[in-house]
PDB file of N, CA and C in Angstrom:
ATOM      1  N   UNK A   1      58.016 231.607-122.132  1.00  0.00           N
ATOM      2  CA  UNK A   1      59.038 231.142-121.206  1.00  0.00           C
ATOM      3  C   UNK A   1      60.413 231.545-121.746  1.00  0.00           C
ATOM      4  N   UNK A   2      61.218 232.261-120.950  1.00  0.00           N
ATOM      5  CA  UNK A   2      62.542 232.691-121.424  1.00  0.00           C
ATOM      6  C   UNK A   2      63.517 231.517-121.534  1.00  0.00           C
ATOM      7  N   UNK A   3      64.348 231.598-122.539  1.00  0.00           N
ATOM      8  CA  UNK A   3      65.374 230.570-122.735  1.00  0.00           C
ATOM      9  C   UNK A   3      66.607 230.901-121.902  1.00  0.00           C
ATOM     10  N   UNK A   4      67.260 229.858-121.407  1.00  0.00           N
ATOM     11  CA  UNK A   4      68.511 230.024-120.658  1.00  0.00           C
ATOM     12  C   UNK A   4      69.680 229.800-121.613  1.00  0.00           C
ATOM     13  N   UNK A   5      70.711 230.622-121.473  1.00  0.00           N
ATOM     14  CA  UNK A   5      71.919 230.458-122.286  1.00  0.00           C
ATOM     15  C   UNK A   5      72.852 229.465-121.600  1.00  0.00           C
ATOM     16  N   UNK A   6      73.267 228.465-122.356  1.00  0.00           N
ATOM     17  CA  UNK A   6      74.170 227.423-121.872  1.00  0.00           C
ATOM     18  C   UNK A   6      75.234 227.156-122.925  1.00  0.00           C
ATOM     19  N   UNK A   7      76.171 226.313-122.587  1.00  0.00           N
ATOM     20  CA  UNK A   7      77.177 225.811-123.518  1.00  0.00           C
ATOM     21  C   UNK A   7      76.914 224.324-123.726  1.00  0.00           C
ATOM     22  N   UNK A   8      76.965 223.891-124.972  1.00  0.00           N
ATOM     23  CA  UNK A   8      76.888 222.476-125.287  1.00  0.00           C
ATOM     24  C   UNK A   8      78.296 222.015-125.613  1.00  0.00           C
ATOM     25  N   UNK A   9      78.856 221.206-124.733  1.00  0.00           N
ATOM     26  CA  UNK A   9      80.200 220.660-124.924  1.00  0.00           C
ATOM     27  C   UNK A   9      80.049 219.272-125.531  1.00  0.00           C
ATOM     28  N   UNK A  10      80.752 219.037-126.629  1.00  0.00           N
ATOM     29  CA  UNK A  10      80.752 217.725-127.266  1.00  0.00           C
ATOM     30  C   UNK A  10      82.176 217.194-127.268  1.00  0.00           C
ATOM     31  N   UNK A  11      82.309 215.952-126.822  1.00  0.00           N
ATOM     32  CA  UNK A  11      83.615 215.294-126.749  1.00  0.00           C
ATOM     33  C   UNK A  11      83.513 213.998-127.547  1.00  0.00           C
ATOM     34  N   UNK A  12      84.390 213.799-128.508  1.00  0.00           N
ATOM     35  CA  UNK A  12      84.471 212.539-129.240  1.00  0.00           C
ATOM     36  C   UNK A  12      85.822 211.937-128.883  1.00  0.00           C
ATOM     37  N   UNK A  13      85.779 210.710-128.349  1.00  0.00           N
ATOM     38  CA  UNK A  13      87.008 210.124-127.800  1.00  0.00           C
ATOM     39  C   UNK A  13      87.005 208.609-127.926  1.00  0.00           C
ATOM     40  N   UNK A  14      88.166 208.040-127.712  1.00  0.00           N
ATOM     41  CA  UNK A  14      88.289 206.593-127.632  1.00  0.00           C
ATOM     42  C   UNK A  14      87.400 206.100-126.489  1.00  0.00           C
ATOM     43  N   UNK A  15      86.695 204.990-126.727  1.00  0.00           N
ATOM     44  CA  UNK A  15      85.774 204.462-125.720  1.00  0.00           C
ATOM     45  C   UNK A  15      86.469 204.136-124.397  1.00  0.00           C
ATOM     46  N   UNK A  16      87.728 203.821-124.445  1.00  0.00           N
ATOM     47  CA  UNK A  16      88.477 203.500-123.228  1.00  0.00           C
ATOM     48  C   UNK A  16      88.507 204.681-122.248  1.00  0.00           C
ATOM     49  N   UNK A  17      88.237 205.886-122.751  1.00  0.00           N
ATOM     50  CA  UNK A  17      88.254 207.084-121.903  1.00  0.00           C
ATOM     51  C   UNK A  17      86.914 207.372-121.224  1.00  0.00           C
ATOM     52  N   UNK A  18      85.899 206.575-121.479  1.00  0.00           N
ATOM     53  CA  UNK A  18      84.567 206.892-120.965  1.00  0.00           C
ATOM     54  C   UNK A  18      84.555 207.123-119.450  1.00  0.00           C
ATOM     55  N   UNK A  19      85.120 206.240-118.688  1.00  0.00           N
ATOM     56  CA  UNK A  19      85.126 206.381-117.228  1.00  0.00           C
ATOM     57  C   UNK A  19      85.861 207.644-116.790  1.00  0.00           C
ATOM     58  N   UNK A  20      87.034 207.896-117.403  1.00  0.00           N
ATOM     59  CA  UNK A  20      87.808 209.106-117.079  1.00  0.00           C
ATOM     60  C   UNK A  20      87.021 210.370-117.399  1.00  0.00           C
ATOM     61  N   UNK A  21      86.342 210.371-118.550  1.00  0.00           N
ATOM     62  CA  UNK A  21      85.580 211.542-118.956  1.00  0.00           C
ATOM     63  C   UNK A  21      84.387 211.780-118.038  1.00  0.00           C
ATOM     64  N   UNK A  22      83.719 210.713-117.627  1.00  0.00           N
ATOM     65  CA  UNK A  22      82.603 210.848-116.690  1.00  0.00           C
ATOM     66  C   UNK A  22      83.078 211.513-115.402  1.00  0.00           C
ATOM     67  N   UNK A  23      84.188 211.054-114.868  1.00  0.00           N
ATOM     68  CA  UNK A  23      84.747 211.645-113.653  1.00  0.00           C
ATOM     69  C   UNK A  23      85.143 213.095-113.889  1.00  0.00           C
ATOM     70  N   UNK A  24      85.784 213.358-115.015  1.00  0.00           N
ATOM     71  CA  UNK A  24      86.244 214.708-115.340  1.00  0.00           C
ATOM     72  C   UNK A  24      85.078 215.694-115.389  1.00  0.00           C
ATOM     73  N   UNK A  25      83.990 215.354-116.091  1.00  0.00           N
ATOM     74  CA  UNK A  25      82.894 216.311-116.234  1.00  0.00           C
ATOM     75  C   UNK A  25      82.142 216.519-114.924  1.00  0.00           C
ATOM     76  N   UNK A  26      81.993 215.463-114.135  1.00  0.00           N
ATOM     77  CA  UNK A  26      81.328 215.612-112.832  1.00  0.00           C
ATOM     78  C   UNK A  26      82.201 216.442-111.889  1.00  0.00           C
ATOM     79  N   UNK A  27      83.490 216.166-111.859  1.00  0.00           N
ATOM     80  CA  UNK A  27      84.408 216.943-111.014  1.00  0.00           C
ATOM     81  C   UNK A  27      84.464 218.415-111.425  1.00  0.00           C
ATOM     82  N   UNK A  28      84.228 218.695-112.705  1.00  0.00           N
ATOM     83  CA  UNK A  28      84.222 220.079-113.189  1.00  0.00           C
ATOM     84  C   UNK A  28      82.944 220.810-112.782  1.00  0.00           C
ATOM     85  N   UNK A  29      81.930 220.046-112.346  1.00  0.00           N
ATOM     86  CA  UNK A  29      80.690 220.667-111.886  1.00  0.00           C
ATOM     87  C   UNK A  29      79.470 220.395-112.743  1.00  0.00           C
ATOM     88  N   UNK A  30      79.606 219.567-113.769  1.00  0.00           N
ATOM     89  CA  UNK A  30      78.451 219.242-114.614  1.00  0.00           C
ATOM     90  C   UNK A  30      77.427 218.441-113.806  1.00  0.00           C
ATOM     91  N   UNK A  31      76.151 218.663-114.110  1.00  0.00           N
ATOM     92  CA  UNK A  31      75.085 217.944-113.406  1.00  0.00           C
ATOM     93  C   UNK A  31      74.525 216.795-114.235  1.00  0.00           C
ATOM     94  N   UNK A  32      75.077 216.564-115.407  1.00  0.00           N
ATOM     95  CA  UNK A  32      74.645 215.454-116.244  1.00  0.00           C
ATOM     96  C   UNK A  32      75.419 215.404-117.535  1.00  0.00           C
ATOM     97  N   UNK A  33      75.287 214.287-118.243  1.00  0.00           N
ATOM     98  CA  UNK A  33      75.943 214.090-119.530  1.00  0.00           C
ATOM     99  C   UNK A  33      75.217 212.980-120.266  1.00  0.00           C
ATOM    100  N   UNK A  34      75.456 212.886-121.565  1.00  0.00           N
ATOM    101  CA  UNK A  34      74.935 211.797-122.388  1.00  0.00           C
ATOM    102  C   UNK A  34      76.111 211.188-123.135  1.00  0.00           C
ATOM    103  N   UNK A  35      76.169 209.858-123.154  1.00  0.00           N
ATOM    104  CA  UNK A  35      77.225 209.148-123.871  1.00  0.00           C
ATOM    105  C   UNK A  35      76.565 208.223-124.895  1.00  0.00           C
ATOM    106  N   UNK A  36      77.058 208.285-126.138  1.00  0.00           N
ATOM    107  CA  UNK A  36      76.566 207.408-127.199  1.00  0.00           C
ATOM    108  C   UNK A  36      77.738 206.831-127.972  1.00  0.00           C
ATOM    109  N   UNK A  37      77.558 205.659-128.593  1.00  0.00           N
ATOM    110  CA  UNK A  37      78.607 205.124-129.465  1.00  0.00           C
ATOM    111  C   UNK A  37      78.798 206.056-130.650  1.00  0.00           C
ATOM    112  N   UNK A  38      80.007 206.116-131.181  1.00  0.00           N
ATOM    113  CA  UNK A  38      80.292 206.983-132.322  1.00  0.00           C
ATOM    114  C   UNK A  38      81.188 206.258-133.312  1.00  0.00           C
ATOM    115  N   UNK A  39      80.907 206.476-134.588  1.00  0.00           N
ATOM    116  CA  UNK A  39      81.772 205.957-135.644  1.00  0.00           C
ATOM    117  C   UNK A  39      82.195 207.123-136.515  1.00  0.00           C
ATOM    118  N   UNK A  40      83.255 206.928-137.257  1.00  0.00           N
ATOM    119  CA  UNK A  40      83.681 208.004-138.145  1.00  0.00           C
ATOM    120  C   UNK A  40      85.087 207.794-138.650  1.00  0.00           C
ATOM    121  N   UNK A  41      85.563 208.819-139.304  1.00  0.00           N
ATOM    122  CA  UNK A  41      86.893 208.805-139.873  1.00  0.00           C
ATOM    123  C   UNK A  41      87.525 210.161-139.629  1.00  0.00           C
ATOM    124  N   UNK A  42      88.816 210.162-139.328  1.00  0.00           N
ATOM    125  CA  UNK A  42      89.536 211.403-139.091  1.00  0.00           C
ATOM    126  C   UNK A  42      91.021 211.141-139.043  1.00  0.00           C
ATOM    127  N   UNK A  43      91.755 212.050-138.407  1.00  0.00           N
ATOM    128  CA  UNK A  43      93.217 211.929-138.405  1.00  0.00           C
ATOM    129  C   UNK A  43      93.708 210.674-137.695  1.00  0.00           C
ATOM    130  N   UNK A  44      92.863 210.080-136.865  1.00  0.00           N
ATOM    131  CA  UNK A  44      93.237 208.835-136.189  1.00  0.00           C
ATOM    132  C   UNK A  44      92.735 207.612-136.952  1.00  0.00           C
ATOM    133  N   UNK A  45      92.244 207.808-138.177  1.00  0.00           N
ATOM    134  CA  UNK A  45      91.780 206.712-139.014  1.00  0.00           C
ATOM    135  C   UNK A  45      90.302 206.423-138.806  1.00  0.00           C
ATOM    136  N   UNK A  46      89.850 205.316-139.390  1.00  0.00           N
ATOM    137  CA  UNK A  46      88.461 204.895-139.250  1.00  0.00           C
ATOM    138  C   UNK A  46      88.300 204.208-137.905  1.00  0.00           C
ATOM    139  N   UNK A  47      87.225 204.573-137.200  1.00  0.00           N
ATOM    140  CA  UNK A  47      86.963 203.991-135.887  1.00  0.00           C
ATOM    141  C   UNK A  47      85.714 203.134-135.982  1.00  0.00           C
ATOM    142  N   UNK A  48      85.720 201.994-135.281  1.00  0.00           N
ATOM    143  CA  UNK A  48      84.594 201.074-135.305  1.00  0.00           C
ATOM    144  C   UNK A  48      83.450 201.579-134.444  1.00  0.00           C
ATOM    145  N   UNK A  49      82.304 200.952-134.595  1.00  0.00           N
ATOM    146  CA  UNK A  49      81.149 201.325-133.779  1.00  0.00           C
ATOM    147  C   UNK A  49      81.099 200.471-132.529  1.00  0.00           C
ATOM    148  N   UNK A  50      80.211 200.843-131.617  1.00  0.00           N
ATOM    149  CA  UNK A  50      80.049 200.096-130.380  1.00  0.00           C
ATOM    150  C   UNK A  50      80.930 200.662-129.291  1.00  0.00           C
ATOM    151  N   UNK A  51      80.476 200.500-128.077  1.00  0.00           N
ATOM    152  CA  UNK A  51      81.271 200.965-126.946  1.00  0.00           C
ATOM    153  C   UNK A  51      82.109 199.784-126.472  1.00  0.00           C
ATOM    154  N   UNK A  52      83.325 199.751-126.933  1.00  0.00           N
ATOM    155  CA  UNK A  52      84.310 198.768-126.498  1.00  0.00           C
ATOM    156  C   UNK A  52      85.660 199.462-126.528  1.00  0.00           C
ATOM    157  N   UNK A  53      86.698 198.736-126.237  1.00  0.00           N
ATOM    158  CA  UNK A  53      87.998 199.383-126.125  1.00  0.00           C
ATOM    159  C   UNK A  53      88.522 199.894-127.464  1.00  0.00           C
ATOM    160  N   UNK A  54      87.980 199.417-128.587  1.00  0.00           N
ATOM    161  CA  UNK A  54      88.448 199.860-129.893  1.00  0.00           C
ATOM    162  C   UNK A  54      87.577 200.938-130.518  1.00  0.00           C
ATOM    163  N   UNK A  55      86.394 201.168-129.977  1.00  0.00           N
ATOM    164  CA  UNK A  55      85.458 202.109-130.575  1.00  0.00           C
ATOM    165  C   UNK A  55      85.633 203.524-130.068  1.00  0.00           C
ATOM    166  N   UNK A  56      84.724 204.363-130.483  1.00  0.00           N
ATOM    167  CA  UNK A  56      84.664 205.753-130.040  1.00  0.00           C
ATOM    168  C   UNK A  56      83.353 206.004-129.323  1.00  0.00           C
ATOM    169  N   UNK A  57      83.345 207.030-128.514  1.00  0.00           N
ATOM    170  CA  UNK A  57      82.128 207.513-127.887  1.00  0.00           C
ATOM    171  C   UNK A  57      81.984 209.000-128.194  1.00  0.00           C
ATOM    172  N   UNK A  58      80.750 209.464-128.119  1.00  0.00           N
ATOM    173  CA  UNK A  58      80.476 210.900-128.161  1.00  0.00           C
ATOM    174  C   UNK A  58      79.781 211.238-126.848  1.00  0.00           C
ATOM    175  N   UNK A  59      80.323 212.188-126.134  1.00  0.00           N
ATOM    176  CA  UNK A  59      79.737 212.632-124.866  1.00  0.00           C
ATOM    177  C   UNK A  59      79.293 214.069-125.046  1.00  0.00           C
ATOM    178  N   UNK A  60      78.066 214.361-124.628  1.00  0.00           N
ATOM    179  CA  UNK A  60      77.574 215.734-124.669  1.00  0.00           C
ATOM    180  C   UNK A  60      77.230 216.181-123.259  1.00  0.00           C
ATOM    181  N   UNK A  61      77.535 217.439-122.993  1.00  0.00           N
ATOM    182  CA  UNK A  61      77.291 218.038-121.684  1.00  0.00           C
ATOM    183  C   UNK A  61      76.688 219.422-121.923  1.00  0.00           C
ATOM    184  N   UNK A  62      75.520 219.659-121.376  1.00  0.00           N
ATOM    185  CA  UNK A  62      74.874 220.964-121.457  1.00  0.00           C
ATOM    186  C   UNK A  62      75.071 221.636-120.112  1.00  0.00           C
ATOM    187  N   UNK A  63      75.809 222.757-120.103  1.00  0.00           N
ATOM    188  CA  UNK A  63      76.224 223.331-118.825  1.00  0.00           C
ATOM    189  C   UNK A  63      76.485 224.830-118.964  1.00  0.00           C
ATOM    190  N   UNK A  64      76.858 225.444-117.883  1.00  0.00           N
ATOM    191  CA  UNK A  64      77.210 226.860-117.895  1.00  0.00           C
ATOM    192  C   UNK A  64      78.607 227.087-118.446  1.00  0.00           C
ATOM    193  N   UNK A  65      78.901 228.347-118.705  1.00  0.00           N
ATOM    194  CA  UNK A  65      80.171 228.722-119.327  1.00  0.00           C
ATOM    195  C   UNK A  65      81.386 228.333-118.481  1.00  0.00           C
ATOM    196  N   UNK A  66      81.307 228.534-117.176  1.00  0.00           N
ATOM    197  CA  UNK A  66      82.443 228.233-116.300  1.00  0.00           C
ATOM    198  C   UNK A  66      82.763 226.740-116.277  1.00  0.00           C
ATOM    199  N   UNK A  67      81.739 225.915-116.154  1.00  0.00           N
ATOM    200  CA  UNK A  67      81.955 224.460-116.136  1.00  0.00           C
ATOM    201  C   UNK A  67      82.476 223.993-117.496  1.00  0.00           C
ATOM    202  N   UNK A  68      81.933 224.523-118.581  1.00  0.00           N
ATOM    203  CA  UNK A  68      82.408 224.159-119.920  1.00  0.00           C
ATOM    204  C   UNK A  68      83.896 224.481-120.067  1.00  0.00           C
ATOM    205  N   UNK A  69      84.298 225.638-119.599  1.00  0.00           N
ATOM    206  CA  UNK A  69      85.711 226.032-119.673  1.00  0.00           C
ATOM    207  C   UNK A  69      86.589 225.073-118.870  1.00  0.00           C
ATOM    208  N   UNK A  70      86.119 224.648-117.697  1.00  0.00           N
ATOM    209  CA  UNK A  70      86.880 223.688-116.881  1.00  0.00           C
ATOM    210  C   UNK A  70      87.037 222.355-117.604  1.00  0.00           C
ATOM    211  N   UNK A  71      85.949 221.882-118.209  1.00  0.00           N
ATOM    212  CA  UNK A  71      85.998 220.603-118.921  1.00  0.00           C
ATOM    213  C   UNK A  71      87.014 220.669-120.050  1.00  0.00           C
ATOM    214  N   UNK A  72      86.931 221.691-120.884  1.00  0.00           N
ATOM    215  CA  UNK A  72      87.844 221.813-122.018  1.00  0.00           C
ATOM    216  C   UNK A  72      89.291 221.992-121.570  1.00  0.00           C
ATOM    217  N   UNK A  73      89.494 222.733-120.502  1.00  0.00           N
ATOM    218  CA  UNK A  73      90.836 222.940-119.967  1.00  0.00           C
ATOM    219  C   UNK A  73      91.450 221.627-119.477  1.00  0.00           C
ATOM    220  N   UNK A  74      90.667 220.835-118.769  1.00  0.00           N
ATOM    221  CA  UNK A  74      91.160 219.548-118.256  1.00  0.00           C
ATOM    222  C   UNK A  74      91.471 218.579-119.393  1.00  0.00           C
ATOM    223  N   UNK A  75      90.637 218.570-120.415  1.00  0.00           N
ATOM    224  CA  UNK A  75      90.909 217.712-121.575  1.00  0.00           C
ATOM    225  C   UNK A  75      92.207 218.141-122.243  1.00  0.00           C
ATOM    226  N   UNK A  76      92.377 219.441-122.427  1.00  0.00           N
ATOM    227  CA  UNK A  76      93.604 219.938-123.052  1.00  0.00           C
ATOM    228  C   UNK A  76      94.833 219.607-122.207  1.00  0.00           C
ATOM    229  N   UNK A  77      94.707 219.780-120.911  1.00  0.00           N
ATOM    230  CA  UNK A  77      95.851 219.585-120.017  1.00  0.00           C
ATOM    231  C   UNK A  77      96.220 218.102-119.851  1.00  0.00           C
ATOM    232  N   UNK A  78      95.236 217.219-119.793  1.00  0.00           N
ATOM    233  CA  UNK A  78      95.521 215.837-119.395  1.00  0.00           C
ATOM    234  C   UNK A  78      95.306 214.755-120.451  1.00  0.00           C
ATOM    235  N   UNK A  79      94.548 215.028-121.503  1.00  0.00           N
ATOM    236  CA  UNK A  79      94.182 213.931-122.403  1.00  0.00           C
ATOM    237  C   UNK A  79      94.569 214.124-123.861  1.00  0.00           C
ATOM    238  N   UNK A  80      94.508 215.328-124.366  1.00  0.00           N
ATOM    239  CA  UNK A  80      94.595 215.557-125.809  1.00  0.00           C
ATOM    240  C   UNK A  80      95.924 215.098-126.419  1.00  0.00           C
ATOM    241  N   UNK A  81      97.001 215.147-125.672  1.00  0.00           N
ATOM    242  CA  UNK A  81      98.313 214.751-126.202  1.00  0.00           C
ATOM    243  C   UNK A  81      98.508 213.238-126.225  1.00  0.00           C
ATOM    244  N   UNK A  82      97.666 212.510-125.475  1.00  0.00           N
ATOM    245  CA  UNK A  82      97.904 211.079-125.279  1.00  0.00           C
ATOM    246  C   UNK A  82      96.857 210.170-125.911  1.00  0.00           C
ATOM    247  N   UNK A  83      95.716 210.712-126.320  1.00  0.00           N
ATOM    248  CA  UNK A  83      94.610 209.888-126.807  1.00  0.00           C
ATOM    249  C   UNK A  83      93.995 210.495-128.064  1.00  0.00           C
ATOM    250  N   UNK A  84      93.239 209.663-128.777  1.00  0.00           N
ATOM    251  CA  UNK A  84      92.428 210.150-129.882  1.00  0.00           C
ATOM    252  C   UNK A  84      91.177 210.799-129.298  1.00  0.00           C
ATOM    253  N   UNK A  85      91.170 212.115-129.229  1.00  0.00           N
ATOM    254  CA  UNK A  85      90.068 212.843-128.602  1.00  0.00           C
ATOM    255  C   UNK A  85      89.957 214.230-129.222  1.00  0.00           C
ATOM    256  N   UNK A  86      88.726 214.704-129.363  1.00  0.00           N
ATOM    257  CA  UNK A  86      88.499 216.094-129.759  1.00  0.00           C
ATOM    258  C   UNK A  86      87.327 216.610-128.945  1.00  0.00           C
ATOM    259  N   UNK A  87      87.313 217.892-128.700  1.00  0.00           N
ATOM    260  CA  UNK A  87      86.234 218.483-127.898  1.00  0.00           C
ATOM    261  C   UNK A  87      85.964 219.889-128.414  1.00  0.00           C
ATOM    262  N   UNK A  88      84.705 220.285-128.344  1.00  0.00           N
ATOM    263  CA  UNK A  88      84.335 221.644-128.736  1.00  0.00           C
ATOM    264  C   UNK A  88      83.082 222.066-127.983  1.00  0.00           C
ATOM    265  N   UNK A  89      82.839 223.361-127.983  1.00  0.00           N
ATOM    266  CA  UNK A  89      81.628 223.900-127.363  1.00  0.00           C
ATOM    267  C   UNK A  89      80.920 224.811-128.333  1.00  0.00           C
ATOM    268  N   UNK A  90      79.602 224.861-128.209  1.00  0.00           N
ATOM    269  CA  UNK A  90      78.777 225.798-128.975  1.00  0.00           C
ATOM    270  C   UNK A  90      77.759 226.409-128.034  1.00  0.00           C
ATOM    271  N   UNK A  91      77.266 227.572-128.400  1.00  0.00           N
ATOM    272  CA  UNK A  91      76.223 228.219-127.606  1.00  0.00           C
ATOM    273  C   UNK A  91      74.902 227.493-127.817  1.00  0.00           C
ATOM    274  N   UNK A  92      74.116 227.404-126.741  1.00  0.00           N
ATOM    275  CA  UNK A  92      72.796 226.773-126.803  1.00  0.00           C
ATOM    276  C   UNK A  92      71.811 227.606-125.995  1.00  0.00           C
ATOM    277  N   UNK A  93      70.566 227.608-126.413  1.00  0.00           N
ATOM    278  CA  UNK A  93      69.491 228.243-125.668  1.00  0.00           C
ATOM    279  C   UNK A  93      68.517 227.144-125.282  1.00  0.00           C
ATOM    280  N   UNK A  94      68.249 227.030-123.985  1.00  0.00           N
ATOM    281  CA  UNK A  94      67.545 225.875-123.433  1.00  0.00           C
ATOM    282  C   UNK A  94      66.274 226.301-122.711  1.00  0.00           C
ATOM    283  N   UNK A  95      65.217 225.543-122.888  1.00  0.00           N
ATOM    284  CA  UNK A  95      63.983 225.770-122.140  1.00  0.00           C
ATOM    285  C   UNK A  95      64.180 225.407-120.684  1.00  0.00           C
TER     286      UNK A  95
END
């Protein structure tokens, strides 16, 4: 069975952004996403666990190149300057 080439977009953000991010990725054309609680340390300090207004979330989206570009562009344009958020994409091969 041939593998399909996709982009795996990962977004780590303040939990308060979960609703906005869900809307953003669906509006960009994504057909699904996964959200999980995230903890860690970085330039915004140590973040607590759990999905609440003080915690972080990690959202992953497996999608095509065009949709991935839209998601990252919207995050850069509307969120990155105002919130604790980072996003990246990597190549993925999917069954």
